[in-house]
Amino acid sequence: MKNLVRFDWAVKRLLRNKAGYVILEGFLSELLGDDIRIEQVLESEGNRETADNKTNIVDILVQNSKNEYIIIEVQNDYMQDYLLRMLYGTTKIISNNLIKGMSYDKIKKVISINIVYFDLGQGEDYIYHGTTNYVGLHKKDILKLTVDEEKIYHTIDIAKIYPEYYIIRVNHFNDISTDTLDEWVNFFKNEEVKDDTKAKGLKEAIEELNIMKLNTQERNEYESYITEWRDNYSKLVGNYNKGKFEGELEGEKKEKIKLIKNMLSEGMSISLIAKIADVSEEYIKNLGL
């Protein structure tokens, strides 16, 4: 089913009341392979509705039934240091929620989910998962917890103590859904959902995120959002193409100068070189070769 609003616009609207939680819970459940329940939406910079809200980024902080923090961030525009932004986001949440005098075993788990619409890193997949493990330098074994440590951390896996990261590279999805998580990624990319979807939360998305069901104010807000998003995307593509074109011209210039230099070293006359390189004799003289 088409005519659905973009997820990055809808996500804040969904979290205005608990009735919309089921859609986001469905996505989290499909991605994390667990039955996720949102207990509350926590205050973060991205949760605030401000007059200068930008379309390039949406970040939501929620707390699930396991008292874990989950960051959901949608990034539309290219950001060169985005991987470091992900790190900053998790460390900031940990430090902000560590009360003075609190023991370290009270630190809560943080899961960072990043939905990006630009080329982030190199790889063939469109969903990546990152964790922290300790590998022996000599034996190459994975460090494990002791029985007592398992009781403290409530897990048998060291990786579960530390923040986890998910990167969904939306533009790399091939539009072929092979499972329910793919159906969610397809929604992120194409704003469409199959009527017979089995993915958790997507049936509710069909009902709640239909453009035709928006009231006049919401539709105007959405149309303004899309217009600004398209303008930003157009500028991004335009700047990329301009940079690429200028780079190609600079490369051609360097190759031509190299050719001229080689011909001069062979003792060829400036007039002949000018004809071969398709430049003026004055141009060659000004190179100072």
Protein backbone atom coordinates (compact mmCIF):
# COMPACT_ATOMS: atom_id res chain seq x y z
CA MET A 1 0.00 0.00 0.00
CA LYS A 2 1.42 3.39 -1.02
CA ASN A 3 0.41 6.92 0.06
CA LEU A 4 2.19 6.51 3.40
CA VAL A 5 4.14 9.30 5.05
CA ARG A 6 7.91 9.08 5.51
CA PHE A 7 9.02 7.36 8.71
CA ASP A 8 11.35 10.19 9.75
CA TRP A 9 8.42 12.63 9.77
CA ALA A 10 6.00 10.17 11.33
CA VAL A 11 8.13 8.93 14.21
CA LYS A 12 7.70 12.02 16.41
CA ARG A 13 3.99 12.15 15.63
CA LEU A 14 3.64 8.49 16.62
CA LEU A 15 5.21 9.07 20.00
CA ARG A 16 2.90 11.87 21.03
CA ASN A 17 0.66 9.27 22.64
CA LYS A 18 0.96 5.62 23.63
CA ALA A 19 -1.48 4.53 20.93
CA GLY A 20 1.29 5.08 18.40
CA TYR A 21 3.90 3.13 20.34
CA VAL A 22 2.83 -0.18 18.80
CA ILE A 23 4.20 0.83 15.37
CA LEU A 24 7.63 1.74 16.72
CA GLU A 25 7.59 -1.29 19.03
CA GLY A 26 6.95 -3.45 15.96
CA PHE A 27 10.03 -2.11 14.17
CA LEU A 28 12.23 -2.52 17.25
CA SER A 29 10.96 -6.06 17.80
CA GLU A 30 11.74 -7.06 14.20
CA LEU A 31 15.22 -5.51 14.30
CA LEU A 32 16.28 -6.72 17.74
CA GLY A 33 14.60 -10.12 17.51
CA ASP A 34 12.84 -9.56 20.81
CA ASP A 35 9.40 -8.54 22.02
CA ILE A 36 10.10 -4.87 22.70
CA ARG A 37 7.78 -2.73 24.80
CA ILE A 38 8.31 1.02 25.13
CA GLU A 39 7.82 2.18 28.69
CA GLN A 40 8.39 5.86 28.07
CA VAL A 41 9.82 8.41 25.67
CA LEU A 42 12.67 10.28 27.31
CA GLU A 43 13.65 13.88 26.76
CA SER A 44 16.44 14.39 24.27
CA GLU A 45 17.49 17.17 21.96
CA GLY A 46 15.78 15.49 19.05
CA ASN A 47 12.50 14.95 20.91
CA ARG A 48 11.89 18.65 21.25
CA GLU A 49 9.67 20.36 18.70
CA THR A 50 11.30 23.68 17.86
CA ALA A 51 10.75 26.33 15.24
CA ASP A 52 14.10 25.63 13.62
CA ASN A 53 13.71 21.84 13.41
CA LYS A 54 15.72 20.55 10.47
CA THR A 55 14.69 17.79 8.12
CA ASN A 56 18.10 16.18 7.99
CA ILE A 57 17.99 14.54 11.40
CA VAL A 58 15.53 12.95 13.80
CA ASP A 59 16.62 11.31 17.01
CA ILE A 60 14.36 9.68 19.55
CA LEU A 61 15.31 8.26 22.94
CA VAL A 62 13.04 5.63 24.49
CA GLN A 63 13.24 3.24 27.40
CA ASN A 64 12.02 -0.33 27.04
CA SER A 65 10.56 -2.76 29.57
CA LYS A 66 14.08 -4.01 30.40
CA ASN A 67 15.09 -0.48 31.43
CA GLU A 68 17.42 -0.26 28.44
CA TYR A 69 17.87 2.97 26.53
CA ILE A 70 17.25 2.86 22.79
CA ILE A 71 18.34 5.71 20.53
CA ILE A 72 16.63 5.83 17.15
CA GLU A 73 18.26 8.29 14.81
CA VAL A 74 17.30 9.09 11.23
CA GLN A 75 19.92 10.97 9.21
CA ASN A 76 19.09 12.19 5.71
CA ASP A 77 22.10 14.34 4.83
CA TYR A 78 25.68 13.18 4.41
CA MET A 79 27.73 13.60 7.59
CA GLN A 80 31.44 12.83 7.29
CA ASP A 81 31.96 12.10 10.99
CA TYR A 82 28.64 10.35 11.59
CA LEU A 83 30.27 7.24 13.10
CA LEU A 84 31.73 9.45 15.82
CA ARG A 85 28.34 11.10 16.32
CA MET A 86 26.95 7.63 17.07
CA LEU A 87 29.65 7.14 19.71
CA TYR A 88 28.96 10.56 21.21
CA GLY A 89 25.24 9.80 21.41
CA THR A 90 25.69 6.64 23.46
CA THR A 91 28.34 8.05 25.80
CA LYS A 92 26.26 11.17 26.43
CA ILE A 93 23.22 9.11 27.46
CA ILE A 94 25.33 6.96 29.79
CA SER A 95 27.00 9.96 31.45
CA ASN A 96 23.76 11.95 31.72
CA ASN A 97 22.02 9.09 33.50
CA LEU A 98 24.82 8.12 35.86
CA ILE A 99 23.90 9.79 39.14
CA LYS A 100 26.78 10.93 41.34
CA GLY A 101 27.69 8.19 43.79
CA MET A 102 25.94 5.50 41.73
CA SER A 103 27.85 2.22 41.37
CA TYR A 104 28.88 1.25 37.87
CA ASP A 105 26.70 -1.85 37.86
CA LYS A 106 23.70 0.51 37.68
CA ILE A 107 24.71 1.76 34.24
CA LYS A 108 21.95 0.91 31.79
CA LYS A 109 22.34 -0.75 28.44
CA VAL A 110 22.23 1.55 25.40
CA ILE A 111 21.22 0.43 21.91
CA SER A 112 21.91 2.88 19.09
CA ILE A 113 19.82 2.40 15.93
CA ASN A 114 20.82 4.53 12.97
CA ILE A 115 18.68 4.80 9.84
CA VAL A 116 20.80 6.61 7.26
CA TYR A 117 19.90 7.74 3.75
CA PHE A 118 23.45 8.27 2.49
CA ASP A 119 26.53 6.12 1.81
CA LEU A 120 28.03 5.38 5.22
CA GLY A 121 31.14 3.25 5.06
CA GLN A 122 31.85 0.51 2.53
CA GLY A 123 30.09 -2.85 2.45
CA GLU A 124 27.70 -5.04 0.51
CA ASP A 125 24.98 -5.30 3.16
CA TYR A 126 22.35 -2.74 4.12
CA ILE A 127 22.06 -3.63 7.83
CA TYR A 128 25.09 -3.82 10.12
CA HIS A 129 25.32 -4.68 13.82
CA GLY A 130 28.25 -3.67 16.03
CA THR A 131 29.17 -4.96 19.52
CA THR A 132 32.20 -4.95 21.82
CA ASN A 133 34.19 -8.11 22.50
CA TYR A 134 37.65 -8.77 23.91
CA VAL A 135 39.85 -11.09 21.83
CA GLY A 136 43.06 -12.64 23.15
CA LEU A 137 46.17 -11.34 21.39
CA HIS A 138 47.87 -14.74 21.59
CA LYS A 139 45.15 -17.38 21.99
CA LYS A 140 42.53 -15.52 19.92
CA ASP A 141 39.85 -16.59 22.41
CA ILE A 142 36.90 -14.43 23.45
CA LEU A 143 37.01 -13.17 27.05
CA LYS A 144 34.04 -14.49 29.05
CA LEU A 145 32.40 -13.51 32.32
CA THR A 146 32.86 -15.45 35.54
CA VAL A 147 29.82 -16.90 37.29
CA ASP A 148 29.87 -14.04 39.83
CA GLU A 149 30.15 -11.45 37.06
CA GLU A 150 27.19 -12.98 35.25
CA LYS A 151 25.11 -12.33 38.37
CA ILE A 152 26.26 -8.72 38.54
CA TYR A 153 25.61 -7.95 34.88
CA HIS A 154 22.61 -10.23 34.42
CA THR A 155 24.05 -11.67 31.23
CA ILE A 156 26.48 -14.37 30.14
CA ASP A 157 27.83 -12.29 27.23
CA ILE A 158 30.31 -9.42 27.73
CA ALA A 159 29.09 -7.79 24.52
CA LYS A 160 25.65 -7.34 26.13
CA ILE A 161 27.12 -5.03 28.78
CA TYR A 162 28.30 -2.42 26.31
CA PRO A 163 26.39 -0.26 23.84
CA GLU A 164 25.27 -1.95 20.65
CA TYR A 165 25.01 -0.23 17.30
CA TYR A 166 22.78 -0.89 14.32
CA ILE A 167 23.25 0.86 10.99
CA ILE A 168 20.50 0.58 8.37
CA ARG A 169 21.75 1.93 5.03
CA VAL A 170 18.38 2.53 3.44
CA ASN A 171 19.59 3.46 -0.05
CA HIS A 172 21.48 0.15 -0.33
CA PHE A 173 18.32 -1.92 0.06
CA ASN A 174 17.54 -3.71 -3.23
CA ASP A 175 13.73 -3.37 -2.87
CA ILE A 176 13.34 -7.15 -2.51
CA SER A 177 11.83 -8.16 0.84
CA THR A 178 12.81 -11.64 1.99
CA ASP A 179 11.67 -11.31 5.61
CA THR A 180 9.64 -9.06 7.88
CA LEU A 181 12.60 -6.82 8.74
CA ASP A 182 13.11 -6.19 5.03
CA GLU A 183 9.50 -5.03 4.84
CA TRP A 184 10.35 -2.35 7.37
CA VAL A 185 13.42 -1.26 5.39
CA ASN A 186 11.29 -1.17 2.26
CA PHE A 187 8.90 1.15 4.10
CA PHE A 188 11.80 3.42 5.09
CA LYS A 189 12.95 3.62 1.48
CA ASN A 190 9.73 3.59 -0.54
CA GLU A 191 6.96 4.61 1.90
CA GLU A 192 4.97 1.51 0.98
CA VAL A 193 3.73 -1.59 2.80
CA LYS A 194 2.12 -4.74 1.44
CA ASP A 195 -1.50 -5.15 2.51
CA ASP A 196 -0.76 -8.74 3.62
CA THR A 197 2.37 -7.86 5.62
CA LYS A 198 3.24 -10.05 8.59
CA ALA A 199 5.80 -7.59 10.01
CA LYS A 200 5.05 -6.39 13.51
CA GLY A 201 3.77 -2.82 13.54
CA LEU A 202 3.37 -2.38 9.79
CA LYS A 203 -0.34 -3.20 9.68
CA GLU A 204 -0.85 -0.46 12.24
CA ALA A 205 1.38 1.81 10.13
CA ILE A 206 -0.97 1.35 7.17
CA GLU A 207 -3.80 2.68 9.31
CA GLU A 208 -1.96 5.45 11.13
CA LEU A 209 0.45 6.73 8.47
CA ASN A 210 -1.88 7.07 5.49
CA ILE A 211 -1.48 10.53 3.99
CA MET A 212 -5.19 10.61 3.20
CA LYS A 213 -6.00 10.40 6.91
CA LEU A 214 -4.00 13.45 7.89
CA ASN A 215 -5.99 16.51 8.84
CA THR A 216 -5.41 19.78 6.99
CA GLN A 217 -2.77 21.09 9.39
CA GLU A 218 -0.86 17.81 9.44
CA ARG A 219 -0.96 17.52 5.66
CA ASN A 220 0.36 21.07 5.28
CA GLU A 221 3.15 20.31 7.77
CA TYR A 222 4.03 17.12 5.91
CA GLU A 223 4.04 18.80 2.50
CA SER A 224 6.33 21.52 3.87
CA TYR A 225 8.60 18.86 5.32
CA ILE A 226 8.81 16.99 2.01
CA THR A 227 9.46 20.20 0.08
CA GLU A 228 12.33 21.13 2.40
CA TRP A 229 13.67 17.56 2.30
CA ARG A 230 13.66 17.57 -1.52
CA ASP A 231 15.37 20.96 -1.62
CA ASN A 232 18.08 19.75 0.75
CA TYR A 233 18.52 16.55 -1.25
CA SER A 234 18.74 18.51 -4.49
CA LYS A 235 21.42 20.78 -3.02
CA LEU A 236 23.35 17.76 -1.75
CA VAL A 237 23.28 16.04 -5.15
CA GLY A 238 24.09 19.30 -6.92
CA ASN A 239 27.11 19.98 -4.73
CA TYR A 240 28.29 16.40 -5.15
CA ASN A 241 28.03 16.57 -8.95
CA LYS A 242 29.72 19.97 -9.00
CA GLY A 243 32.59 18.67 -6.90
CA LYS A 244 32.88 15.57 -9.05
CA PHE A 245 32.93 17.64 -12.26
CA GLU A 246 35.53 20.04 -10.89
CA GLY A 247 37.61 17.09 -9.74
CA GLU A 248 37.48 15.55 -13.21
CA LEU A 249 38.55 18.85 -14.80
CA GLU A 250 41.45 19.14 -12.38
CA GLY A 251 42.50 15.59 -13.21
CA GLU A 252 42.41 16.29 -16.95
CA LYS A 253 44.46 19.46 -16.40
CA LYS A 254 47.16 17.55 -14.50
CA GLU A 255 47.32 14.87 -17.20
CA LYS A 256 47.68 17.52 -19.93
CA ILE A 257 50.47 19.29 -18.04
CA LYS A 258 52.24 15.96 -17.58
CA LEU A 259 51.96 15.29 -21.31
CA ILE A 260 53.32 18.75 -22.16
CA LYS A 261 56.23 18.25 -19.77
CA ASN A 262 57.11 14.91 -21.37
CA MET A 263 56.99 16.37 -24.88
CA LEU A 264 59.23 19.27 -23.82
CA SER A 265 61.72 16.82 -22.37
CA GLU A 266 61.78 15.06 -25.76
CA GLY A 267 62.86 18.33 -27.37
CA MET A 268 59.63 18.98 -29.27
CA SER A 269 58.90 22.56 -30.31
CA ILE A 270 56.37 24.61 -28.36
CA SER A 271 54.31 25.23 -31.52
CA LEU A 272 54.00 21.48 -32.20
CA ILE A 273 53.20 20.70 -28.57
CA ALA A 274 50.49 23.38 -28.57
CA LYS A 275 48.80 21.72 -31.54
CA ILE A 276 48.99 18.23 -30.02
CA ALA A 277 47.78 19.31 -26.56
CA ASP A 278 45.18 21.68 -28.01
CA VAL A 279 46.42 24.68 -26.00
CA SER A 280 48.00 28.02 -26.87
CA GLU A 281 51.77 28.53 -27.00
CA GLU A 282 51.31 31.24 -24.36
CA TYR A 283 49.70 28.65 -22.04
CA ILE A 284 52.75 26.39 -22.32
CA LYS A 285 55.19 29.25 -21.71
CA ASN A 286 53.26 30.34 -18.60
CA LEU A 287 53.56 26.85 -17.09
CA GLY A 288 57.23 27.54 -16.44
CA LEU A 289 58.28 23.97 -17.19
